[in-house]
Structure formats: C-alpha cells, structure tokens
Protein backbone atom coordinates (compact mmCIF):
# COMPACT_ATOMS: atom_id res chain seq x y z
CA MET A 1 -26.57 -4.52 -1.66
CA ARG A 2 -24.45 -7.57 -2.44
CA LEU A 3 -21.37 -8.20 -0.31
CA LEU A 4 -18.70 -10.87 -0.54
CA ASN A 5 -18.20 -12.93 2.61
CA THR A 6 -14.45 -12.82 3.27
CA ASP A 7 -14.49 -16.24 4.92
CA THR A 8 -16.63 -18.26 2.51
CA LEU A 9 -16.11 -16.14 -0.64
CA GLU A 10 -19.85 -16.33 -1.23
CA VAL A 11 -21.99 -13.34 -2.13
CA GLU A 12 -24.74 -12.38 0.30
CA VAL A 13 -27.53 -9.81 -0.12
CA PHE A 14 -28.33 -7.14 2.49
CA MET A 15 -31.05 -4.51 2.53
CA GLY A 16 -31.23 -1.10 4.20
CA SER A 17 -30.10 -1.00 7.82
CA ASP A 18 -29.10 -4.68 7.69
CA VAL A 19 -25.92 -3.85 5.74
CA PRO A 20 -22.95 -4.82 7.96
CA THR A 21 -19.64 -2.99 8.28
CA TYR A 22 -17.64 -3.70 5.13
CA ALA A 23 -14.39 -3.00 3.33
CA ILE A 24 -14.31 -2.10 -0.36
CA LEU A 25 -11.87 -2.63 -3.24
CA SER A 26 -10.66 0.02 -5.67
CA HIS A 27 -8.73 -1.28 -8.67
CA THR A 28 -8.46 -1.17 -12.44
CA TRP A 29 -9.98 -3.99 -14.43
CA GLY A 30 -8.03 -6.68 -16.24
CA LYS A 31 -9.18 -9.10 -18.92
CA ASN A 32 -10.20 -11.99 -16.66
CA GLU A 33 -12.10 -10.38 -13.81
CA VAL A 34 -14.41 -12.61 -11.75
CA THR A 35 -18.12 -11.87 -12.19
CA LEU A 36 -21.10 -12.72 -10.02
CA GLN A 37 -21.90 -15.58 -12.38
CA ASP A 38 -18.33 -16.92 -12.12
CA LEU A 39 -18.67 -17.17 -8.34
CA ALA A 40 -21.76 -19.29 -8.76
CA GLY A 41 -20.05 -21.59 -11.25
CA ASN A 42 -17.32 -24.21 -11.10
CA ARG A 43 -14.23 -22.37 -9.95
CA SER A 44 -11.82 -25.20 -10.68
CA GLY A 45 -12.76 -25.23 -14.34
CA SER A 46 -12.82 -21.47 -14.76
CA LYS A 47 -10.28 -19.51 -16.78
CA LYS A 48 -10.90 -16.43 -14.66
CA ASP A 49 -8.21 -15.08 -12.34
CA PHE A 50 -9.41 -15.41 -8.75
CA SER A 51 -6.11 -14.27 -7.21
CA LYS A 52 -7.08 -10.60 -6.77
CA LEU A 53 -10.39 -11.59 -5.20
CA ASP A 54 -8.73 -14.13 -2.92
CA LYS A 55 -6.12 -11.64 -1.74
CA THR A 56 -8.70 -8.90 -1.16
CA CYS A 57 -10.71 -11.23 1.05
CA LYS A 58 -7.62 -12.39 2.95
CA VAL A 59 -6.52 -8.82 3.67
CA ALA A 60 -10.03 -7.77 4.71
CA HIS A 61 -10.49 -10.87 6.88
CA ALA A 62 -7.10 -10.31 8.55
CA ASN A 63 -8.20 -6.76 9.35
CA GLY A 64 -11.38 -8.00 10.99
CA TYR A 65 -13.86 -7.43 8.17
CA GLY A 66 -16.39 -10.14 7.47
CA TYR A 67 -17.53 -8.57 4.21
CA VAL A 68 -16.05 -6.73 1.27
CA TRP A 69 -17.60 -5.08 -1.78
CA VAL A 70 -15.93 -5.69 -5.14
CA ASP A 71 -17.48 -4.13 -8.24
CA THR A 72 -16.67 -7.02 -10.57
CA CYS A 73 -18.67 -9.61 -8.63
CA CYS A 74 -21.08 -7.71 -6.36
CA ILE A 75 -23.17 -6.34 -9.23
CA ASP A 76 -25.27 -8.47 -11.54
CA LYS A 77 -24.28 -6.79 -14.79
CA THR A 78 -26.77 -8.91 -16.74
CA SER A 79 -29.51 -6.81 -15.10
CA SER A 80 -29.66 -3.28 -16.53
CA ALA A 81 -31.79 -2.16 -13.58
CA GLU A 82 -29.29 -3.43 -11.00
CA LEU A 83 -26.35 -1.99 -12.93
CA SER A 84 -28.04 1.43 -13.08
CA GLU A 85 -28.83 1.37 -9.37
CA ALA A 86 -25.27 0.34 -8.49
CA ILE A 87 -23.60 3.01 -10.62
CA ASN A 88 -25.87 5.71 -9.23
CA SER A 89 -25.06 4.46 -5.71
CA MET A 90 -21.33 3.88 -6.25
CA PHE A 91 -20.11 7.06 -4.55
CA ARG A 92 -22.18 6.21 -1.48
CA TYR A 93 -20.85 2.63 -1.42
CA TYR A 94 -17.28 3.93 -1.16
CA GLN A 95 -18.21 6.71 1.24
CA GLU A 96 -19.92 4.31 3.64
CA ALA A 97 -17.22 1.63 3.52
CA ASP A 98 -15.10 1.38 6.66
CA VAL A 99 -11.93 1.19 4.59
CA CYS A 100 -11.00 1.05 0.93
CA TYR A 101 -8.19 -1.18 -0.34
CA ALA A 102 -6.62 0.35 -3.46
CA PHE A 103 -4.77 -2.39 -5.35
CA LEU A 104 -2.30 -0.92 -7.83
CA PHE A 105 -1.15 -3.87 -9.92
CA ASP A 106 1.61 -1.80 -11.56
CA LEU A 107 3.05 -0.20 -8.43
CA VAL A 108 6.56 -1.61 -8.13
CA PRO A 109 8.35 -2.29 -4.82
CA GLU A 110 10.28 0.53 -3.13
CA GLU A 111 13.63 -1.02 -4.00
CA VAL A 112 12.79 -0.86 -7.72
CA ALA A 113 11.73 2.80 -7.84
CA PRO A 114 11.03 5.62 -5.36
CA LEU A 115 7.40 5.72 -4.26
CA GLU A 116 6.56 9.14 -5.72
CA SER A 117 7.80 8.40 -9.24
CA ALA A 118 6.36 4.87 -9.20
CA LEU A 119 2.95 6.01 -7.97
CA ALA A 120 2.70 8.76 -10.58
CA THR A 121 2.87 6.23 -13.43
CA CYS A 122 0.19 3.89 -12.06
CA ARG A 123 -2.86 3.26 -14.23
CA TRP A 124 -5.11 3.78 -11.20
CA PHE A 125 -4.53 7.53 -11.52
CA THR A 126 -5.61 7.57 -15.18
CA ARG A 127 -9.01 5.88 -15.07
CA GLY A 128 -12.35 7.63 -14.81
CA TRP A 129 -14.00 5.37 -12.23
CA THR A 130 -11.16 5.51 -9.71
CA LEU A 131 -11.50 9.29 -9.34
CA GLN A 132 -14.73 9.08 -7.36
CA GLU A 133 -13.36 6.11 -5.43
CA LEU A 134 -10.33 8.19 -4.41
CA ILE A 135 -12.51 11.08 -3.28
CA ALA A 136 -15.42 9.24 -1.67
CA SER A 137 -13.44 6.78 0.46
CA ARG A 138 -12.80 8.01 3.99
CA GLU A 139 -9.73 5.84 4.43
CA ILE A 140 -7.69 4.21 1.67
CA HIS A 141 -4.94 1.65 2.18
CA ILE A 142 -2.70 1.52 -0.89
CA TYR A 143 -1.22 -1.84 -1.91
CA ASP A 144 1.40 -2.53 -4.57
CA ALA A 145 1.68 -5.39 -7.04
CA ALA A 146 2.88 -7.76 -4.30
CA TRP A 147 0.01 -6.72 -2.00
CA SER A 148 2.43 -4.92 0.30
CA LEU A 149 0.89 -1.96 2.12
CA ARG A 150 2.67 1.20 0.91
CA GLY A 151 0.71 3.84 2.78
CA THR A 152 -2.71 5.40 3.25
CA LYS A 153 -4.59 8.28 1.71
CA ARG A 154 -4.06 10.34 4.86
CA THR A 155 -0.34 9.67 5.25
CA MET A 156 0.26 10.29 1.52
CA VAL A 157 -2.33 13.03 0.98
CA ASP A 158 0.09 15.66 -0.35
CA LEU A 159 1.65 13.24 -2.82
CA ILE A 160 -1.74 11.97 -3.98
CA SER A 161 -2.99 15.53 -4.36
CA ARG A 162 -0.03 16.40 -6.62
CA ILE A 163 -0.59 13.35 -8.81
CA SER A 164 -4.39 13.50 -9.01
CA ARG A 165 -4.68 17.32 -8.89
CA VAL A 166 -7.56 16.90 -6.44
CA ASP A 167 -7.57 19.47 -3.64
CA ARG A 168 -5.99 18.25 -0.42
CA GLU A 169 -9.06 19.34 1.56
CA VAL A 170 -11.34 17.24 -0.64
CA LEU A 171 -9.14 14.17 -0.25
CA LEU A 172 -9.37 14.50 3.51
CA ASP A 173 -13.11 15.23 3.57
CA ALA A 174 -15.44 14.53 0.63
CA ASP A 175 -17.94 17.02 2.04
CA GLU A 176 -15.56 19.73 0.82
CA LEU A 177 -16.73 18.89 -2.72
CA TYR A 178 -19.59 21.32 -2.23
CA CYS A 179 -17.08 24.18 -1.95
CA VAL A 180 -15.30 23.36 -5.22
CA PRO A 181 -16.34 25.06 -8.51
CA VAL A 182 -17.78 22.85 -11.24
CA ALA A 183 -14.91 23.62 -13.62
CA ALA A 184 -12.35 22.48 -11.05
CA LYS A 185 -14.12 19.15 -10.56
CA MET A 186 -14.23 18.66 -14.32
CA SER A 187 -10.51 19.39 -14.56
CA TRP A 188 -9.76 16.46 -12.25
CA ALA A 189 -11.32 14.14 -14.82
CA ALA A 190 -9.75 15.81 -17.87
CA THR A 191 -6.73 13.50 -18.02
CA ARG A 192 -8.65 10.33 -17.18
CA ALA A 193 -10.27 7.84 -19.53
CA THR A 194 -12.96 5.17 -19.57
CA THR A 195 -13.50 2.21 -21.85
CA ARG A 196 -16.98 3.33 -22.89
CA ILE A 197 -17.73 6.92 -23.85
CA GLU A 198 -20.82 7.05 -21.65
CA ASP A 199 -18.84 6.07 -18.57
CA MET A 200 -16.93 9.36 -18.63
CA ALA A 201 -20.23 10.94 -17.59
CA TYR A 202 -21.51 8.10 -15.41
CA SER A 203 -18.26 7.96 -13.41
CA LEU A 204 -18.80 11.60 -12.37
CA LEU A 205 -22.35 11.20 -11.05
CA GLY A 206 -21.35 10.90 -7.41
CA ILE A 207 -18.88 13.78 -7.56
CA PHE A 208 -21.69 16.08 -8.69
CA ASP A 209 -24.36 14.38 -6.55
CA ILE A 210 -26.39 13.62 -9.68
CA HIS A 211 -28.61 10.64 -10.52
CA LEU A 212 -29.13 9.62 -14.16
CA PRO A 213 -30.64 6.60 -15.89
CA LEU A 214 -27.98 4.66 -17.79
CA LEU A 215 -28.36 4.55 -21.56
CA TYR A 216 -25.38 2.73 -23.02
CA GLY A 217 -25.18 3.46 -26.72
CA GLU A 218 -25.97 7.16 -26.36
CA GLY A 219 -22.31 8.19 -26.63
CA LEU A 220 -21.55 11.83 -25.80
CA LYS A 221 -25.23 12.49 -25.14
CA ALA A 222 -24.55 11.05 -21.69
CA PHE A 223 -22.21 13.93 -20.93
CA ARG A 224 -24.73 16.45 -22.21
CA ARG A 225 -27.37 14.94 -19.93
CA LEU A 226 -24.94 15.26 -17.04
CA GLN A 227 -24.35 18.91 -17.92
CA GLU A 228 -28.09 19.58 -18.01
CA GLU A 229 -28.58 18.04 -14.58
CA ILE A 230 -25.68 20.01 -13.12
CA LEU A 231 -27.13 23.23 -14.55
CA ARG A 232 -30.41 22.47 -12.81
CA LYS A 233 -28.55 22.44 -9.49
CA THR A 234 -26.15 25.34 -10.04
CA ASN A 235 -25.76 28.50 -12.09
CA ASP A 236 -22.04 27.87 -12.56
CA MET A 237 -21.70 27.98 -16.37
CA SER A 238 -18.00 27.09 -16.41
CA LEU A 239 -18.84 23.42 -16.94
CA LEU A 240 -19.89 24.15 -20.55
CA ALA A 241 -16.27 24.83 -21.44
CA TRP A 242 -15.24 21.21 -20.78
CA VAL A 243 -15.94 18.38 -23.23
CA PRO A 244 -14.56 14.87 -22.68
CA GLU A 245 -11.94 13.69 -25.13
CA ASP A 246 -12.37 10.42 -27.03
CA THR A 247 -12.00 7.60 -24.56
CA GLU A 248 -9.34 4.99 -25.01
CA GLN A 249 -10.34 1.44 -25.75
CA GLN A 250 -9.08 -0.52 -22.77
CA GLU A 251 -10.49 -2.18 -19.73
CA GLY A 252 -11.10 -0.12 -16.61
C-alpha cells in the first residue's frame, strides 16, 4: 500500500501489518490531478494543481497523522495489476482509515447558502466512486471549498442520509450493509455517474463485497459480471431489475 508522507509529501510503500495509522481523502477529480509520476517529477515545472494535495497533507499533519492515502497519487495507474488490486481493495482502504477528509470543492460558505441546500447540490453526492467512500469510512470530516470544516458524517448523518438516500444505520456502521437488500443498495447508485461505463460496476465492488478482475473496454459487460457474482452469493433476484444508465462523460 502506498501512502503519502504528510511532512515530506513523498510516497512510501508499506506491506501487511507494517501499514501505519493513516487518514484518507475523498473527493471528485478535476482536470489537473497530481499522479504518482508527477510527484516523482519536477514540481516547479509542472502544470498540475498541487493545492488540493498540499492542503490535504496540512490538515492531516495538523491532526496528528503522518500519512494520508490519496487515490490520484497513491496508485500507479500505469500498472494494470496495481490498479486492479487497488480498486478491489478500495472499500477496505476507506474502512481501515482512521479518518476520511471529504473535500467538496463546490460547497459554498454558510453565509452564501444554508448548509442543507448547498450540500445537496454538491457533485460529491452524484459520483459513483464516492458512494462507497461515504459508506465505508468510519469517520468523515466534511470540508468546503475554502477547506473550512463544516461538520462530520456523524453530526450530519440525518442530512446526509436524506441527500444520499443511504440508510442512516449503514452510514453509522458499514457492517449494516449485510442487512440491506440488493435492490436497495443498487438504488443508492441509480442517480450517480462515472466517467467510464465499467466504473459503474467497479465502484460497487466493495458495497457488495465482490472481487472482479478489471477489464476496461468491456462496457456494460462489467455490470453483468457484477450481477453474476452477486447471484453466486445471494438468491435475491431483485438486482436483475436494475441496469445502469449511460454514464456522463466527465472526470470523477
């Protein structure tokens, strides 16, 4: 597992029980996200935006965390094997993190709009990948565009449940997922989108406790493979009634 040192901003690799306590970032991707290769290059000459990474590390460091996991730069996406392992382990990464920082770049300050109405329009609640991050994380600190702390998952659980439609009990304890019908879990993802068609299935792997090899280019076959694996684990046929809509073409 790769982790970003919050003091040096260098990526370090840990294996098994050697993994230290870490914080984790949940966010939606922009056009100039920093990759693992960017961190190894010349930062001063880079056109990438390091501000989100810098602020994440500063917040984590101020809270006493020496390491943070950020999906954009803690996975070598040039390696299909590493990418597959990371995506199949993503739910666990968030579940085992000490705290998750959710950065909502479009959440305006309180004086601009009331929190409930502002939060409901945030892109973070519309993306496929952030669903499992919301559910898996034990504790989430929610930050707005100015990196001001606006609340936590626990203090805002009823509001977040209304917006996300995820059961309150599940938000408070991911183990409650096992008590939720397949169709209900699928309904949580129904209004969300991913950039690539396959990711609509891959982003649900952790929610259904499924492992699949990644085959980008297979399109909707990825969702059918997910259905087949779910059917092997349950006799709940309600999942067959849900088919993902065409995904929108945007980063996230």
